[in-house]
Amino acid sequence: MKKSLVILLVISTILWSSVDVIIVSIVPVFVTMFADFGARLPTLTQACFHLSHLTKLYYFIFEPLFIGALVGVSVLIARKENNTLAIYFCASGALAVLALVGTLSLPIFQLGAVAAGMK
C-alpha cells in the first residue's frame, strides 16, 4: 500500500473522529451557553443540538456503528488502493468538521447582528 494512501486514511480517520468528539463533548457546552441567551437559534444549530442529544442518549449504539463505519470505509479504500476515494473520504471529513463549526457559529453571528441592530 502506498504511503500517501495511508496518510490520507489516517487524516480522514482523525477528522471523522474529531466530528464524533465535537458532537459528544463540545456541542453540549454550546447547548448550555445558548440556553442562557434565550434567543431563537437557527434551524441548523437546533438540528445539531438534537443530533448531539440523540448521540449521547444512544451512545452505546451510535459509537460502535460509527467506529465500524470508519474502519469499514478505510479497509475498503485500502483494499482498492484508490487514492481518489481516499481524497474524497478525507475531504468529507474536513467538510463535516467545517459544517459543525459553522453550525455552532451561526447563533453567534445572529446574536451579534441583533445586538448591532438594537444600538
N, C-alpha and C. Protein backbone atom coordinates (compact mmCIF):
# COMPACT_ATOMS: atom_id res chain seq x y z
N MET A 1 0.85 -1.18 0.00
CA MET A 1 0.00 0.00 0.00
C MET A 1 0.89 1.24 0.00
N LYS A 2 0.47 2.23 -0.74
CA LYS A 2 1.25 3.46 -0.86
C LYS A 2 1.22 4.26 0.44
N LYS A 3 2.33 4.94 0.69
CA LYS A 3 2.44 5.76 1.89
C LYS A 3 1.43 6.91 1.86
N SER A 4 1.21 7.50 0.69
CA SER A 4 0.26 8.62 0.59
C SER A 4 -1.16 8.17 0.91
N LEU A 5 -1.51 6.94 0.53
CA LEU A 5 -2.83 6.41 0.83
C LEU A 5 -3.01 6.23 2.33
N VAL A 6 -1.99 5.71 2.98
CA VAL A 6 -2.05 5.50 4.43
C VAL A 6 -2.20 6.85 5.14
N ILE A 7 -1.44 7.83 4.70
CA ILE A 7 -1.52 9.17 5.32
C ILE A 7 -2.92 9.75 5.15
N LEU A 8 -3.49 9.63 3.95
CA LEU A 8 -4.84 10.13 3.72
C LEU A 8 -5.87 9.43 4.59
N LEU A 9 -5.73 8.12 4.75
CA LEU A 9 -6.67 7.37 5.59
C LEU A 9 -6.54 7.76 7.05
N VAL A 10 -5.32 7.99 7.51
CA VAL A 10 -5.12 8.40 8.91
C VAL A 10 -5.72 9.79 9.13
N ILE A 11 -5.46 10.71 8.21
CA ILE A 11 -6.02 12.06 8.34
C ILE A 11 -7.55 12.00 8.32
N SER A 12 -8.11 11.19 7.43
CA SER A 12 -9.57 11.05 7.35
C SER A 12 -10.15 10.53 8.65
N THR A 13 -9.50 9.53 9.21
CA THR A 13 -9.97 8.95 10.47
C THR A 13 -9.89 9.97 11.59
N ILE A 14 -8.84 10.75 11.61
CA ILE A 14 -8.70 11.79 12.65
C ILE A 14 -9.80 12.84 12.49
N LEU A 15 -10.07 13.26 11.25
CA LEU A 15 -11.12 14.26 11.02
C LEU A 15 -12.48 13.74 11.44
N TRP A 16 -12.82 12.52 11.04
CA TRP A 16 -14.12 11.97 11.40
C TRP A 16 -14.22 11.70 12.89
N SER A 17 -13.11 11.33 13.53
CA SER A 17 -13.12 11.14 14.98
C SER A 17 -13.33 12.47 15.69
N SER A 18 -12.77 13.53 15.13
CA SER A 18 -12.98 14.85 15.74
C SER A 18 -14.44 15.28 15.62
N VAL A 19 -15.12 14.88 14.56
CA VAL A 19 -16.55 15.14 14.44
C VAL A 19 -17.29 14.47 15.59
N ASP A 20 -16.92 13.24 15.87
CA ASP A 20 -17.52 12.49 16.98
C ASP A 20 -17.28 13.20 18.30
N VAL A 21 -16.05 13.64 18.54
CA VAL A 21 -15.72 14.34 19.79
C VAL A 21 -16.49 15.64 19.90
N ILE A 22 -16.59 16.38 18.81
CA ILE A 22 -17.33 17.65 18.83
C ILE A 22 -18.79 17.41 19.19
N ILE A 23 -19.40 16.42 18.56
CA ILE A 23 -20.82 16.16 18.79
C ILE A 23 -21.08 15.70 20.22
N VAL A 24 -20.20 14.86 20.74
CA VAL A 24 -20.44 14.26 22.06
C VAL A 24 -20.02 15.17 23.21
N SER A 25 -18.93 15.92 23.05
CA SER A 25 -18.44 16.66 24.21
C SER A 25 -18.47 18.18 24.08
N ILE A 26 -18.39 18.72 22.89
CA ILE A 26 -18.33 20.18 22.75
C ILE A 26 -19.71 20.79 22.53
N VAL A 27 -20.54 20.14 21.72
CA VAL A 27 -21.88 20.68 21.44
C VAL A 27 -22.71 20.85 22.71
N PRO A 28 -22.68 19.92 23.68
CA PRO A 28 -23.45 20.16 24.91
C PRO A 28 -23.05 21.44 25.66
N VAL A 29 -21.80 21.82 25.55
CA VAL A 29 -21.36 23.09 26.17
C VAL A 29 -22.05 24.25 25.48
N PHE A 30 -22.16 24.19 24.16
CA PHE A 30 -22.84 25.24 23.41
C PHE A 30 -24.34 25.25 23.72
N VAL A 31 -24.92 24.07 23.93
CA VAL A 31 -26.34 23.99 24.28
C VAL A 31 -26.59 24.78 25.55
N THR A 32 -25.77 24.54 26.55
CA THR A 32 -25.90 25.25 27.83
C THR A 32 -25.68 26.74 27.66
N MET A 33 -24.66 27.10 26.89
CA MET A 33 -24.32 28.51 26.70
C MET A 33 -25.46 29.26 25.99
N PHE A 34 -25.99 28.68 24.91
CA PHE A 34 -27.04 29.35 24.16
C PHE A 34 -28.37 29.33 24.89
N ALA A 35 -28.59 28.36 25.77
CA ALA A 35 -29.82 28.33 26.57
C ALA A 35 -29.89 29.54 27.49
N ASP A 36 -28.73 30.00 27.95
CA ASP A 36 -28.69 31.18 28.82
C ASP A 36 -29.08 32.46 28.07
N PHE A 37 -28.83 32.51 26.76
CA PHE A 37 -29.17 33.69 25.98
C PHE A 37 -30.67 33.83 25.78
N GLY A 38 -31.36 32.72 25.66
CA GLY A 38 -32.80 32.75 25.47
C GLY A 38 -33.24 33.19 24.08
N ALA A 39 -32.31 33.31 23.14
CA ALA A 39 -32.65 33.74 21.79
C ALA A 39 -33.07 32.54 20.94
N ARG A 40 -33.81 32.82 19.87
CA ARG A 40 -34.19 31.75 18.94
C ARG A 40 -32.98 31.40 18.10
N LEU A 41 -32.66 30.10 18.06
CA LEU A 41 -31.48 29.64 17.34
C LEU A 41 -31.84 29.22 15.92
N PRO A 42 -30.86 29.32 15.00
CA PRO A 42 -31.11 28.86 13.63
C PRO A 42 -31.46 27.36 13.59
N THR A 43 -32.19 26.97 12.59
CA THR A 43 -32.65 25.58 12.46
C THR A 43 -31.47 24.60 12.41
N LEU A 44 -30.41 24.95 11.69
CA LEU A 44 -29.24 24.07 11.61
C LEU A 44 -28.62 23.85 12.99
N THR A 45 -28.55 24.89 13.77
CA THR A 45 -27.98 24.76 15.10
C THR A 45 -28.87 23.90 15.99
N GLN A 46 -30.17 24.10 15.89
CA GLN A 46 -31.09 23.27 16.66
C GLN A 46 -30.96 21.80 16.26
N ALA A 47 -30.82 21.53 14.95
CA ALA A 47 -30.64 20.16 14.48
C ALA A 47 -29.34 19.56 15.02
N CYS A 48 -28.30 20.35 15.06
CA CYS A 48 -27.02 19.90 15.61
C CYS A 48 -27.17 19.56 17.09
N PHE A 49 -27.91 20.38 17.82
CA PHE A 49 -28.14 20.14 19.25
C PHE A 49 -28.94 18.85 19.45
N HIS A 50 -29.94 18.63 18.60
CA HIS A 50 -30.74 17.40 18.70
C HIS A 50 -29.89 16.17 18.37
N LEU A 51 -29.05 16.30 17.35
CA LEU A 51 -28.15 15.20 16.99
C LEU A 51 -27.21 14.87 18.15
N SER A 52 -26.71 15.88 18.80
CA SER A 52 -25.83 15.66 19.95
C SER A 52 -26.58 14.97 21.08
N HIS A 53 -27.80 15.41 21.33
CA HIS A 53 -28.61 14.80 22.39
C HIS A 53 -28.88 13.33 22.09
N LEU A 54 -29.28 13.03 20.85
CA LEU A 54 -29.54 11.65 20.46
C LEU A 54 -28.28 10.79 20.53
N THR A 55 -27.16 11.36 20.11
CA THR A 55 -25.89 10.63 20.15
C THR A 55 -25.51 10.28 21.58
N LYS A 56 -25.68 11.22 22.48
CA LYS A 56 -25.36 10.94 23.89
C LYS A 56 -26.36 9.96 24.50
N LEU A 57 -27.61 10.07 24.10
CA LEU A 57 -28.65 9.20 24.63
C LEU A 57 -28.45 7.74 24.19
N TYR A 58 -28.09 7.56 22.93
CA TYR A 58 -27.89 6.22 22.37
C TYR A 58 -26.42 5.96 22.05
N TYR A 59 -25.55 6.42 22.90
CA TYR A 59 -24.11 6.31 22.70
C TYR A 59 -23.67 4.86 22.49
N PHE A 60 -24.26 3.96 23.24
CA PHE A 60 -23.88 2.56 23.17
C PHE A 60 -24.22 1.93 21.82
N ILE A 61 -25.14 2.52 21.08
CA ILE A 61 -25.47 2.04 19.74
C ILE A 61 -24.69 2.84 18.69
N PHE A 62 -24.66 4.15 18.85
CA PHE A 62 -24.05 5.04 17.86
C PHE A 62 -22.55 4.81 17.74
N GLU A 63 -21.88 4.73 18.87
CA GLU A 63 -20.41 4.68 18.84
C GLU A 63 -19.88 3.43 18.12
N PRO A 64 -20.36 2.22 18.42
CA PRO A 64 -19.86 1.07 17.66
C PRO A 64 -20.18 1.14 16.16
N LEU A 65 -21.35 1.67 15.82
CA LEU A 65 -21.70 1.82 14.41
C LEU A 65 -20.79 2.83 13.72
N PHE A 66 -20.51 3.93 14.40
CA PHE A 66 -19.65 4.97 13.84
C PHE A 66 -18.23 4.44 13.63
N ILE A 67 -17.69 3.79 14.64
CA ILE A 67 -16.34 3.25 14.54
C ILE A 67 -16.29 2.15 13.48
N GLY A 68 -17.32 1.30 13.43
CA GLY A 68 -17.38 0.26 12.41
C GLY A 68 -17.42 0.84 11.01
N ALA A 69 -18.17 1.91 10.82
CA ALA A 69 -18.25 2.55 9.51
C ALA A 69 -16.89 3.15 9.13
N LEU A 70 -16.22 3.80 10.08
CA LEU A 70 -14.89 4.36 9.81
C LEU A 70 -13.91 3.27 9.39
N VAL A 71 -13.88 2.20 10.17
CA VAL A 71 -12.96 1.10 9.86
C VAL A 71 -13.34 0.45 8.53
N GLY A 72 -14.63 0.22 8.32
CA GLY A 72 -15.08 -0.41 7.08
C GLY A 72 -14.71 0.39 5.84
N VAL A 73 -14.96 1.69 5.88
CA VAL A 73 -14.63 2.54 4.72
C VAL A 73 -13.12 2.58 4.52
N SER A 74 -12.37 2.68 5.60
CA SER A 74 -10.91 2.72 5.48
C SER A 74 -10.37 1.42 4.89
N VAL A 75 -10.88 0.29 5.35
CA VAL A 75 -10.44 -1.00 4.82
C VAL A 75 -10.82 -1.14 3.35
N LEU A 76 -12.02 -0.72 3.00
CA LEU A 76 -12.47 -0.78 1.61
C LEU A 76 -11.55 0.04 0.71
N ILE A 77 -11.24 1.25 1.13
CA ILE A 77 -10.37 2.11 0.33
C ILE A 77 -8.96 1.52 0.26
N ALA A 78 -8.47 0.98 1.36
CA ALA A 78 -7.12 0.40 1.39
C ALA A 78 -7.04 -0.81 0.46
N ARG A 79 -8.08 -1.63 0.44
CA ARG A 79 -8.09 -2.82 -0.44
C ARG A 79 -8.08 -2.43 -1.92
N LYS A 80 -8.83 -1.40 -2.23
CA LYS A 80 -8.89 -0.97 -3.63
C LYS A 80 -7.65 -0.16 -4.01
N GLU A 81 -6.93 0.33 -2.99
CA GLU A 81 -5.76 1.19 -3.19
C GLU A 81 -6.09 2.33 -4.16
N ASN A 82 -7.17 3.00 -3.85
CA ASN A 82 -7.68 4.07 -4.70
C ASN A 82 -7.46 5.41 -4.00
N ASN A 83 -6.50 6.18 -4.50
CA ASN A 83 -6.21 7.48 -3.90
C ASN A 83 -7.37 8.46 -4.05
N THR A 84 -8.13 8.34 -5.12
CA THR A 84 -9.26 9.25 -5.34
C THR A 84 -10.32 9.07 -4.25
N LEU A 85 -10.63 7.82 -3.93
CA LEU A 85 -11.59 7.57 -2.86
C LEU A 85 -11.06 8.07 -1.52
N ALA A 86 -9.77 7.88 -1.29
CA ALA A 86 -9.16 8.35 -0.05
C ALA A 86 -9.23 9.87 0.05
N ILE A 87 -9.03 10.55 -1.06
CA ILE A 87 -9.12 12.02 -1.06
C ILE A 87 -10.56 12.45 -0.77
N TYR A 88 -11.54 11.77 -1.37
CA TYR A 88 -12.94 12.09 -1.10
C TYR A 88 -13.29 11.85 0.36
N PHE A 89 -12.79 10.77 0.91
CA PHE A 89 -13.04 10.43 2.32
C PHE A 89 -12.44 11.50 3.22
N CYS A 90 -11.23 11.92 2.91
CA CYS A 90 -10.56 12.97 3.69
C CYS A 90 -11.32 14.30 3.54
N ALA A 91 -11.71 14.63 2.32
CA ALA A 91 -12.44 15.88 2.10
C ALA A 91 -13.79 15.87 2.80
N SER A 92 -14.45 14.72 2.82
CA SER A 92 -15.74 14.64 3.51
C SER A 92 -15.58 14.86 5.01
N GLY A 93 -14.50 14.33 5.58
CA GLY A 93 -14.23 14.57 7.00
C GLY A 93 -13.96 16.04 7.28
N ALA A 94 -13.18 16.66 6.41
CA ALA A 94 -12.88 18.09 6.59
C ALA A 94 -14.16 18.92 6.46
N LEU A 95 -15.00 18.60 5.49
CA LEU A 95 -16.25 19.33 5.33
C LEU A 95 -17.19 19.12 6.51
N ALA A 96 -17.20 17.92 7.06
CA ALA A 96 -18.05 17.65 8.24
C ALA A 96 -17.59 18.49 9.43
N VAL A 97 -16.28 18.58 9.63
CA VAL A 97 -15.77 19.42 10.73
C VAL A 97 -16.13 20.88 10.49
N LEU A 98 -15.92 21.37 9.27
CA LEU A 98 -16.26 22.76 8.95
C LEU A 98 -17.76 23.03 9.10
N ALA A 99 -18.57 22.08 8.70
CA ALA A 99 -20.02 22.25 8.82
C ALA A 99 -20.43 22.34 10.29
N LEU A 100 -19.84 21.51 11.14
CA LEU A 100 -20.16 21.57 12.57
C LEU A 100 -19.73 22.89 13.18
N VAL A 101 -18.52 23.32 12.85
CA VAL A 101 -18.03 24.59 13.39
C VAL A 101 -18.90 25.74 12.89
N GLY A 102 -19.26 25.70 11.62
CA GLY A 102 -20.13 26.74 11.07
C GLY A 102 -21.50 26.74 11.71
N THR A 103 -22.04 25.56 11.93
CA THR A 103 -23.36 25.44 12.55
C THR A 103 -23.35 26.00 13.97
N LEU A 104 -22.27 25.74 14.69
CA LEU A 104 -22.18 26.25 16.05
C LEU A 104 -21.88 27.75 16.08
N SER A 105 -21.34 28.28 14.99
CA SER A 105 -21.04 29.71 14.92
C SER A 105 -22.22 30.56 14.47
N LEU A 106 -23.19 29.96 13.80
CA LEU A 106 -24.34 30.71 13.29
C LEU A 106 -25.03 31.56 14.35
N PRO A 107 -25.34 31.01 15.53
CA PRO A 107 -26.02 31.83 16.53
C PRO A 107 -25.19 33.00 17.02
N ILE A 108 -23.89 32.85 17.03
CA ILE A 108 -23.02 33.94 17.47
C ILE A 108 -23.16 35.12 16.52
N PHE A 109 -23.12 34.83 15.21
CA PHE A 109 -23.27 35.90 14.22
C PHE A 109 -24.68 36.48 14.25
N GLN A 110 -25.68 35.62 14.45
CA GLN A 110 -27.06 36.07 14.50
C GLN A 110 -27.27 36.98 15.71
N LEU A 111 -26.77 36.56 16.87
CA LEU A 111 -26.92 37.39 18.08
C LEU A 111 -26.14 38.70 17.94
N GLY A 112 -25.00 38.64 17.26
CA GLY A 112 -24.23 39.86 17.03
C GLY A 112 -24.97 40.83 16.15
N ALA A 113 -25.63 40.31 15.13
CA ALA A 113 -26.41 41.17 14.21
C ALA A 113 -27.61 41.78 14.93
N VAL A 114 -28.25 41.01 15.80
CA VAL A 114 -29.39 41.53 16.54
C VAL A 114 -28.92 42.63 17.50
N ALA A 115 -27.79 42.39 18.16
CA ALA A 115 -27.26 43.38 19.11
C ALA A 115 -26.84 44.66 18.36
N ALA A 116 -26.28 44.51 17.17
CA ALA A 116 -25.86 45.68 16.39
C ALA A 116 -27.08 46.48 15.93
N GLY A 117 -28.16 45.81 15.61
CA GLY A 117 -29.37 46.48 15.16
C GLY A 117 -30.09 47.21 16.29
N MET A 118 -29.84 46.81 17.53
CA MET A 118 -30.52 47.41 18.67
C MET A 118 -29.88 48.74 19.08
N LYS A 119 -28.66 48.97 18.64
CA LYS A 119 -27.95 50.18 19.07
C LYS A 119 -28.46 51.40 18.41
